[in-house]
Amino acid sequence: METNTQWIDIAVADGSFGAYVSLPRGGKGPGIVLLQEIFGVNQHIRNVADQYAADGYVVIAPDLFWRNGARIELGYDDAGWKRAVELMNATDFALAQSDIAATVKTLRALDGVEGKIASIGYCFGGRLSYHTAANGLVDAAVCYYGGGIQNALERAGQIKVPMLMHFGSADSHIPLTAVTSIAERFDDNDQVEIHVYADAEHGFNCNHRSSYNQRAAAQAHGNTLLFLGEQL
């Protein structure tokens, strides 16, 4: 894949944080704010950013853990999981949403961004992508196995943009009862599309994890590209 990448700094009221930017061949396209898992803007997230850039999008992935250490990158072993959970629990969710708002503003101002923008988030980022849509910051949103969305359905009525959600049927972190409650809440909203992938565990999109499911990842990526193509 041919992309152009760099880290940029985004200023906010209490400091500044890094964001990984990946540009498509030609440097122009619709925008994507890519929202990390609890493992930081690690190699996997950068690879995902580069993939969407290769698909024709201008992608920016903000470092949402910066207040606890800049550009923290974690692996998926036991030590990585332990530290990731600590960082997630230490993160101020309201400040993270504020950082995303600053990232969206930065993305919209980039020379290469043409047209609309979407948020795409994974795990922790999937939940944040849902809130980003509810905050009215983007033109469309994608949520991969967003844990906790079922506990924030009071915000469902605030979502006025198209949204795509991906879940695994074998997710040990998000039970199917949670997915059902989300689907029922959005049953009358034709702009919300939900896919459940057979036998897919949490993190099925990440080929750095033992839970990687190639079939589910390919199907979800294809569905996401179709969704983005229609909405952006």
C-alpha atoms as a PDB file:
ATOM      1  CA  MET A   1       0.000   0.000   0.000  1.00  0.00           C
ATOM      2  CA  GLU A   2       1.219   3.477  -0.827  1.00  0.00           C
ATOM      3  CA  THR A   3       0.565   6.085   1.859  1.00  0.00           C
ATOM      4  CA  ASN A   4       2.258   9.119   3.374  1.00  0.00           C
ATOM      5  CA  THR A   5       2.399   9.169   7.171  1.00  0.00           C
ATOM      6  CA  GLN A   6       3.435  11.548   9.922  1.00  0.00           C
ATOM      7  CA  TRP A   7       2.730  12.490  13.518  1.00  0.00           C
ATOM      8  CA  ILE A   8       1.280  15.945  14.175  1.00  0.00           C
ATOM      9  CA  ASP A   9       0.550  17.826  17.406  1.00  0.00           C
ATOM     10  CA  ILE A  10      -2.910  19.068  18.376  1.00  0.00           C
ATOM     11  CA  ALA A  11      -3.187  21.836  20.988  1.00  0.00           C
ATOM     12  CA  VAL A  12      -5.920  21.794  23.636  1.00  0.00           C
ATOM     13  CA  ALA A  13      -6.551  23.840  26.772  1.00  0.00           C
ATOM     14  CA  ASP A  14      -4.347  21.715  29.055  1.00  0.00           C
ATOM     15  CA  GLY A  15      -1.512  20.862  26.671  1.00  0.00           C
ATOM     16  CA  SER A  16      -1.067  19.106  23.351  1.00  0.00           C
ATOM     17  CA  PHE A  17      -1.189  15.552  22.095  1.00  0.00           C
ATOM     18  CA  GLY A  18       0.080  13.634  19.111  1.00  0.00           C
ATOM     19  CA  ALA A  19      -2.018  12.253  16.292  1.00  0.00           C
ATOM     20  CA  TYR A  20      -0.942   9.820  13.602  1.00  0.00           C
ATOM     21  CA  VAL A  21      -1.906  10.977  10.103  1.00  0.00           C
ATOM     22  CA  SER A  22      -1.965   8.718   7.057  1.00  0.00           C
ATOM     23  CA  LEU A  23      -2.683  10.165   3.626  1.00  0.00           C
ATOM     24  CA  PRO A  24      -3.890   8.287   0.558  1.00  0.00           C
ATOM     25  CA  ARG A  25      -2.038   8.189  -2.717  1.00  0.00           C
ATOM     26  CA  GLY A  26      -2.660  11.622  -4.199  1.00  0.00           C
ATOM     27  CA  GLY A  27      -3.078  13.100  -0.720  1.00  0.00           C
ATOM     28  CA  LYS A  28      -6.803  13.798  -0.903  1.00  0.00           C
ATOM     29  CA  GLY A  29     -10.066  12.154   0.091  1.00  0.00           C
ATOM     30  CA  PRO A  30     -12.857  12.101   2.682  1.00  0.00           C
ATOM     31  CA  GLY A  31     -11.717  12.072   6.314  1.00  0.00           C
ATOM     32  CA  ILE A  32     -11.644   9.414   9.020  1.00  0.00           C
ATOM     33  CA  VAL A  33     -10.974   9.925  12.728  1.00  0.00           C
ATOM     34  CA  LEU A  34      -9.637   6.549  13.853  1.00  0.00           C
ATOM     35  CA  LEU A  35     -10.174   5.862  17.550  1.00  0.00           C
ATOM     36  CA  GLN A  36      -7.816   3.497  19.335  1.00  0.00           C
ATOM     37  CA  GLU A  37      -8.321   0.389  21.401  1.00  0.00           C
ATOM     38  CA  ILE A  38      -7.138   0.479  25.018  1.00  0.00           C
ATOM     39  CA  PHE A  39      -3.649  -0.425  23.760  1.00  0.00           C
ATOM     40  CA  GLY A  40      -2.854   3.029  22.394  1.00  0.00           C
ATOM     41  CA  VAL A  41      -2.006   4.137  18.869  1.00  0.00           C
ATOM     42  CA  ASN A  42       0.117   1.034  18.493  1.00  0.00           C
ATOM     43  CA  GLN A  43       1.370  -0.725  15.373  1.00  0.00           C
ATOM     44  CA  HIS A  44      -2.006  -2.356  14.776  1.00  0.00           C
ATOM     45  CA  ILE A  45      -3.899   0.940  14.871  1.00  0.00           C
ATOM     46  CA  ARG A  46      -1.334   2.559  12.604  1.00  0.00           C
ATOM     47  CA  ASN A  47      -1.693  -0.364  10.202  1.00  0.00           C
ATOM     48  CA  VAL A  48      -5.469   0.122  10.203  1.00  0.00           C
ATOM     49  CA  ALA A  49      -4.982   3.839   9.527  1.00  0.00           C
ATOM     50  CA  ASP A  50      -2.682   3.022   6.626  1.00  0.00           C
ATOM     51  CA  GLN A  51      -5.190   0.523   5.235  1.00  0.00           C
ATOM     52  CA  TYR A  52      -7.985   3.097   5.177  1.00  0.00           C
ATOM     53  CA  ALA A  53      -5.592   5.601   3.642  1.00  0.00           C
ATOM     54  CA  ALA A  54      -4.829   3.045   0.936  1.00  0.00           C
ATOM     55  CA  ASP A  55      -8.598   2.789   0.470  1.00  0.00           C
ATOM     56  CA  GLY A  56      -8.671   6.511  -0.331  1.00  0.00           C
ATOM     57  CA  TYR A  57      -9.266   8.277   2.976  1.00  0.00           C
ATOM     58  CA  VAL A  58      -7.339  10.896   4.944  1.00  0.00           C
ATOM     59  CA  VAL A  59      -6.971   9.251   8.355  1.00  0.00           C
ATOM     60  CA  ILE A  60      -6.043  10.729  11.721  1.00  0.00           C
ATOM     61  CA  ALA A  61      -5.622   8.656  14.905  1.00  0.00           C
ATOM     62  CA  PRO A  62      -5.349  10.738  18.097  1.00  0.00           C
ATOM     63  CA  ASP A  63      -3.311   9.590  21.098  1.00  0.00           C
ATOM     64  CA  LEU A  64      -6.100   9.597  23.689  1.00  0.00           C
ATOM     65  CA  PHE A  65      -3.915   8.392  26.593  1.00  0.00           C
ATOM     66  CA  TRP A  66      -1.472  11.301  26.353  1.00  0.00           C
ATOM     67  CA  ARG A  67      -2.216  12.702  29.810  1.00  0.00           C
ATOM     68  CA  ASN A  68      -0.796   9.487  31.295  1.00  0.00           C
ATOM     69  CA  GLY A  69       2.160   9.297  28.896  1.00  0.00           C
ATOM     70  CA  ALA A  70       2.696  10.327  25.300  1.00  0.00           C
ATOM     71  CA  ARG A  71       2.370   7.760  22.524  1.00  0.00           C
ATOM     72  CA  ILE A  72       2.008   4.744  24.772  1.00  0.00           C
ATOM     73  CA  GLU A  73       2.062   1.545  22.729  1.00  0.00           C
ATOM     74  CA  LEU A  74       1.046  -1.744  24.281  1.00  0.00           C
ATOM     75  CA  GLY A  75       1.051  -5.314  23.117  1.00  0.00           C
ATOM     76  CA  TYR A  76      -1.581  -7.969  23.757  1.00  0.00           C
ATOM     77  CA  ASP A  77       0.242 -10.087  26.330  1.00  0.00           C
ATOM     78  CA  ASP A  78      -0.751 -10.197  29.999  1.00  0.00           C
ATOM     79  CA  ALA A  79       1.400  -7.178  30.894  1.00  0.00           C
ATOM     80  CA  GLY A  80      -0.068  -5.199  28.015  1.00  0.00           C
ATOM     81  CA  TRP A  81      -3.610  -6.039  29.031  1.00  0.00           C
ATOM     82  CA  LYS A  82      -2.953  -5.074  32.652  1.00  0.00           C
ATOM     83  CA  ARG A  83      -1.502  -1.695  31.698  1.00  0.00           C
ATOM     84  CA  ALA A  84      -4.210  -1.096  29.084  1.00  0.00           C
ATOM     85  CA  VAL A  85      -6.990  -1.564  31.617  1.00  0.00           C
ATOM     86  CA  GLU A  86      -5.199   0.768  34.042  1.00  0.00           C
ATOM     87  CA  LEU A  87      -4.945   3.444  31.352  1.00  0.00           C
ATOM     88  CA  MET A  88      -8.571   3.060  30.334  1.00  0.00           C
ATOM     89  CA  ASN A  89      -9.696   3.412  33.943  1.00  0.00           C
ATOM     90  CA  ALA A  90      -7.466   6.455  34.395  1.00  0.00           C
ATOM     91  CA  THR A  91      -8.839   8.212  31.320  1.00  0.00           C
ATOM     92  CA  ASP A  92     -11.298  11.054  31.814  1.00  0.00           C
ATOM     93  CA  PHE A  93     -14.043  10.166  29.348  1.00  0.00           C
ATOM     94  CA  ALA A  94     -15.250  13.753  29.003  1.00  0.00           C
ATOM     95  CA  LEU A  95     -11.714  14.951  28.241  1.00  0.00           C
ATOM     96  CA  ALA A  96     -11.284  12.153  25.696  1.00  0.00           C
ATOM     97  CA  GLN A  97     -14.416  13.360  23.915  1.00  0.00           C
ATOM     98  CA  SER A  98     -13.039  16.905  24.012  1.00  0.00           C
ATOM     99  CA  ASP A  99      -9.779  15.656  22.485  1.00  0.00           C
ATOM    100  CA  ILE A 100     -11.769  13.963  19.740  1.00  0.00           C
ATOM    101  CA  ALA A 101     -13.605  17.222  19.039  1.00  0.00           C
ATOM    102  CA  ALA A 102     -10.217  18.949  18.657  1.00  0.00           C
ATOM    103  CA  THR A 103      -9.075  16.129  16.374  1.00  0.00           C
ATOM    104  CA  VAL A 104     -12.179  16.472  14.202  1.00  0.00           C
ATOM    105  CA  LYS A 105     -11.551  20.218  13.896  1.00  0.00           C
ATOM    106  CA  THR A 106      -7.941  19.529  12.904  1.00  0.00           C
ATOM    107  CA  LEU A 107      -8.978  16.897  10.365  1.00  0.00           C
ATOM    108  CA  ARG A 108     -11.550  19.161   8.711  1.00  0.00           C
ATOM    109  CA  ALA A 109      -8.853  21.836   8.335  1.00  0.00           C
ATOM    110  CA  LEU A 110      -6.304  19.547   6.635  1.00  0.00           C
ATOM    111  CA  ASP A 111      -5.658  20.477   3.013  1.00  0.00           C
ATOM    112  CA  GLY A 112      -6.297  16.987   1.725  1.00  0.00           C
ATOM    113  CA  VAL A 113      -9.746  16.460   3.251  1.00  0.00           C
ATOM    114  CA  GLU A 114     -12.493  16.618   0.666  1.00  0.00           C
ATOM    115  CA  GLY A 115     -16.126  16.160   1.597  1.00  0.00           C
ATOM    116  CA  LYS A 116     -17.455  14.514   4.719  1.00  0.00           C
ATOM    117  CA  ILE A 117     -15.747  12.742   7.624  1.00  0.00           C
ATOM    118  CA  ALA A 118     -16.495   9.672   9.715  1.00  0.00           C
ATOM    119  CA  SER A 119     -15.299   8.236  12.994  1.00  0.00           C
ATOM    120  CA  ILE A 120     -14.213   4.595  13.221  1.00  0.00           C
ATOM    121  CA  GLY A 121     -13.405   3.113  16.601  1.00  0.00           C
ATOM    122  CA  TYR A 122     -12.355  -0.245  18.003  1.00  0.00           C
ATOM    123  CA  CYS A 123     -13.224  -1.562  21.489  1.00  0.00           C
ATOM    124  CA  PHE A 124     -12.777   1.504  23.764  1.00  0.00           C
ATOM    125  CA  GLY A 125     -12.659   3.524  20.558  1.00  0.00           C
ATOM    126  CA  GLY A 126     -15.877   1.902  19.374  1.00  0.00           C
ATOM    127  CA  ARG A 127     -17.679   3.293  22.383  1.00  0.00           C
ATOM    128  CA  LEU A 128     -16.058   6.669  21.751  1.00  0.00           C
ATOM    129  CA  SER A 129     -17.147   6.560  18.101  1.00  0.00           C
ATOM    130  CA  TYR A 130     -20.725   6.113  19.291  1.00  0.00           C
ATOM    131  CA  HIS A 131     -20.419   9.169  21.549  1.00  0.00           C
ATOM    132  CA  THR A 132     -18.703  11.109  18.757  1.00  0.00           C
ATOM    133  CA  ALA A 133     -21.791  10.542  16.625  1.00  0.00           C
ATOM    134  CA  ALA A 134     -24.072  11.516  19.514  1.00  0.00           C
ATOM    135  CA  ASN A 135     -22.023  14.693  19.984  1.00  0.00           C
ATOM    136  CA  GLY A 136     -22.755  15.635  16.371  1.00  0.00           C
ATOM    137  CA  LEU A 137     -19.081  15.866  15.424  1.00  0.00           C
ATOM    138  CA  VAL A 138     -19.018  13.634  12.345  1.00  0.00           C
ATOM    139  CA  ASP A 139     -21.109  12.828   9.286  1.00  0.00           C
ATOM    140  CA  ALA A 140     -21.097   9.064   9.903  1.00  0.00           C
ATOM    141  CA  ALA A 141     -19.766   6.648  12.509  1.00  0.00           C
ATOM    142  CA  VAL A 142     -18.505   3.067  12.667  1.00  0.00           C
ATOM    143  CA  CYS A 143     -18.215   1.140  15.935  1.00  0.00           C
ATOM    144  CA  TYR A 144     -16.272  -2.123  16.138  1.00  0.00           C
ATOM    145  CA  TYR A 145     -17.196  -4.134  19.250  1.00  0.00           C
ATOM    146  CA  GLY A 146     -17.812  -0.999  21.278  1.00  0.00           C
ATOM    147  CA  GLY A 147     -17.988  -2.146  24.884  1.00  0.00           C
ATOM    148  CA  GLY A 148     -20.406  -0.161  27.019  1.00  0.00           C
ATOM    149  CA  ILE A 149     -22.656   1.172  24.264  1.00  0.00           C
ATOM    150  CA  GLN A 150     -25.496  -0.817  25.791  1.00  0.00           C
ATOM    151  CA  ASN A 151     -25.073   1.291  28.962  1.00  0.00           C
ATOM    152  CA  ALA A 152     -25.321   4.592  27.074  1.00  0.00           C
ATOM    153  CA  LEU A 153     -28.533   4.089  25.133  1.00  0.00           C
ATOM    154  CA  GLU A 154     -29.975   7.264  26.645  1.00  0.00           C
ATOM    155  CA  ARG A 155     -27.915   9.014  23.964  1.00  0.00           C
ATOM    156  CA  ALA A 156     -29.451   7.053  21.103  1.00  0.00           C
ATOM    157  CA  GLY A 157     -31.902   9.818  20.269  1.00  0.00           C
ATOM    158  CA  GLN A 158     -29.030  12.261  19.803  1.00  0.00           C
ATOM    159  CA  ILE A 159     -27.563  10.268  16.940  1.00  0.00           C
ATOM    160  CA  LYS A 160     -28.688  11.943  13.724  1.00  0.00           C
ATOM    161  CA  VAL A 161     -26.084  10.505  11.341  1.00  0.00           C
ATOM    162  CA  PRO A 162     -25.679   7.084   9.717  1.00  0.00           C
ATOM    163  CA  MET A 163     -23.968   4.573  12.005  1.00  0.00           C
ATOM    164  CA  LEU A 164     -22.591   1.074  11.442  1.00  0.00           C
ATOM    165  CA  MET A 165     -21.871  -1.335  14.301  1.00  0.00           C
ATOM    166  CA  HIS A 166     -19.897  -4.585  14.213  1.00  0.00           C
ATOM    167  CA  PHE A 167     -20.120  -7.258  16.916  1.00  0.00           C
ATOM    168  CA  GLY A 168     -18.914 -10.840  17.282  1.00  0.00           C
ATOM    169  CA  SER A 169     -21.351 -13.553  18.286  1.00  0.00           C
ATOM    170  CA  ALA A 170     -18.726 -15.135  20.569  1.00  0.00           C
ATOM    171  CA  ASP A 171     -17.530 -11.891  22.210  1.00  0.00           C
ATOM    172  CA  SER A 172     -16.612 -12.696  25.817  1.00  0.00           C
ATOM    173  CA  HIS A 173     -16.686  -8.972  26.731  1.00  0.00           C
ATOM    174  CA  ILE A 174     -19.963  -7.974  25.047  1.00  0.00           C
ATOM    175  CA  PRO A 175     -22.753 -10.549  25.523  1.00  0.00           C
ATOM    176  CA  LEU A 176     -25.353 -11.036  22.824  1.00  0.00           C
ATOM    177  CA  THR A 177     -27.952  -9.734  25.266  1.00  0.00           C
ATOM    178  CA  ALA A 178     -26.146  -6.375  25.108  1.00  0.00           C
ATOM    179  CA  VAL A 179     -26.157  -6.446  21.307  1.00  0.00           C
ATOM    180  CA  THR A 180     -29.860  -7.278  21.363  1.00  0.00           C
ATOM    181  CA  SER A 181     -30.625  -4.325  23.631  1.00  0.00           C
ATOM    182  CA  ILE A 182     -28.720  -2.012  21.268  1.00  0.00           C
ATOM    183  CA  ALA A 183     -30.502  -3.414  18.214  1.00  0.00           C
ATOM    184  CA  GLU A 184     -33.896  -3.024  19.872  1.00  0.00           C
ATOM    185  CA  ARG A 185     -33.186   0.588  20.798  1.00  0.00           C
ATOM    186  CA  PHE A 186     -32.289   1.454  17.217  1.00  0.00           C
ATOM    187  CA  ASP A 187     -34.929  -0.725  15.585  1.00  0.00           C
ATOM    188  CA  ASP A 188     -36.862   2.308  14.317  1.00  0.00           C
ATOM    189  CA  ASN A 189     -33.756   4.141  13.051  1.00  0.00           C
ATOM    190  CA  ASP A 190     -33.099   3.194   9.429  1.00  0.00           C
ATOM    191  CA  GLN A 191     -29.733   4.993   9.515  1.00  0.00           C
ATOM    192  CA  VAL A 192     -28.260   2.498  12.008  1.00  0.00           C
ATOM    193  CA  GLU A 193     -26.925  -0.801  10.662  1.00  0.00           C
ATOM    194  CA  ILE A 194     -25.758  -3.633  12.932  1.00  0.00           C
ATOM    195  CA  HIS A 195     -23.794  -6.717  11.870  1.00  0.00           C
ATOM    196  CA  VAL A 196     -23.047  -9.728  14.067  1.00  0.00           C
ATOM    197  CA  TYR A 197     -20.294 -12.065  12.845  1.00  0.00           C
ATOM    198  CA  ALA A 198     -20.567 -15.772  13.586  1.00  0.00           C
ATOM    199  CA  ASP A 199     -18.032 -17.272  15.996  1.00  0.00           C
ATOM    200  CA  ALA A 200     -16.095 -13.978  16.222  1.00  0.00           C
ATOM    201  CA  GLU A 201     -14.511 -13.017  19.543  1.00  0.00           C
ATOM    202  CA  HIS A 202     -13.736  -9.565  20.921  1.00  0.00           C
ATOM    203  CA  GLY A 203     -10.984  -7.931  18.887  1.00  0.00           C
ATOM    204  CA  PHE A 204     -11.705 -10.080  15.836  1.00  0.00           C
ATOM    205  CA  ASN A 205     -10.337  -7.381  13.520  1.00  0.00           C
ATOM    206  CA  CYS A 206      -6.854  -7.306  15.087  1.00  0.00           C
ATOM    207  CA  ASN A 207      -4.359  -9.680  13.479  1.00  0.00           C
ATOM    208  CA  HIS A 208      -1.957  -9.067  16.384  1.00  0.00           C
ATOM    209  CA  ARG A 209      -4.347 -10.846  18.747  1.00  0.00           C
ATOM    210  CA  SER A 210      -5.189 -14.488  19.264  1.00  0.00           C
ATOM    211  CA  SER A 211      -8.848 -13.558  18.771  1.00  0.00           C
ATOM    212  CA  TYR A 212      -8.231 -12.472  15.168  1.00  0.00           C
ATOM    213  CA  ASN A 213     -10.850 -13.891  12.827  1.00  0.00           C
ATOM    214  CA  GLN A 214      -9.873 -13.410   9.195  1.00  0.00           C
ATOM    215  CA  ARG A 215     -13.338 -14.059   7.779  1.00  0.00           C
ATOM    216  CA  ALA A 216     -15.098 -11.700  10.180  1.00  0.00           C
ATOM    217  CA  ALA A 217     -12.404  -9.044   9.727  1.00  0.00           C
ATOM    218  CA  ALA A 218     -12.697  -9.220   5.936  1.00  0.00           C
ATOM    219  CA  GLN A 219     -16.491  -9.101   6.023  1.00  0.00           C
ATOM    220  CA  ALA A 220     -16.516  -6.178   8.458  1.00  0.00           C
ATOM    221  CA  HIS A 221     -13.944  -4.244   6.443  1.00  0.00           C
ATOM    222  CA  GLY A 222     -15.949  -4.804   3.275  1.00  0.00           C
ATOM    223  CA  ASN A 223     -19.163  -3.720   4.961  1.00  0.00           C
ATOM    224  CA  THR A 224     -17.381  -0.642   6.324  1.00  0.00           C
ATOM    225  CA  LEU A 225     -16.041   0.344   2.905  1.00  0.00           C
ATOM    226  CA  LEU A 226     -19.512   0.001   1.393  1.00  0.00           C
ATOM    227  CA  PHE A 227     -20.957   2.087   4.209  1.00  0.00           C
ATOM    228  CA  LEU A 228     -18.300   4.783   3.892  1.00  0.00           C
ATOM    229  CA  GLY A 229     -18.660   4.847   0.125  1.00  0.00           C
ATOM    230  CA  GLU A 230     -22.380   5.459   0.454  1.00  0.00           C
ATOM    231  CA  GLN A 231     -22.217   7.987   3.300  1.00  0.00           C
ATOM    232  CA  LEU A 232     -19.070  10.030   2.572  1.00  0.00           C
END
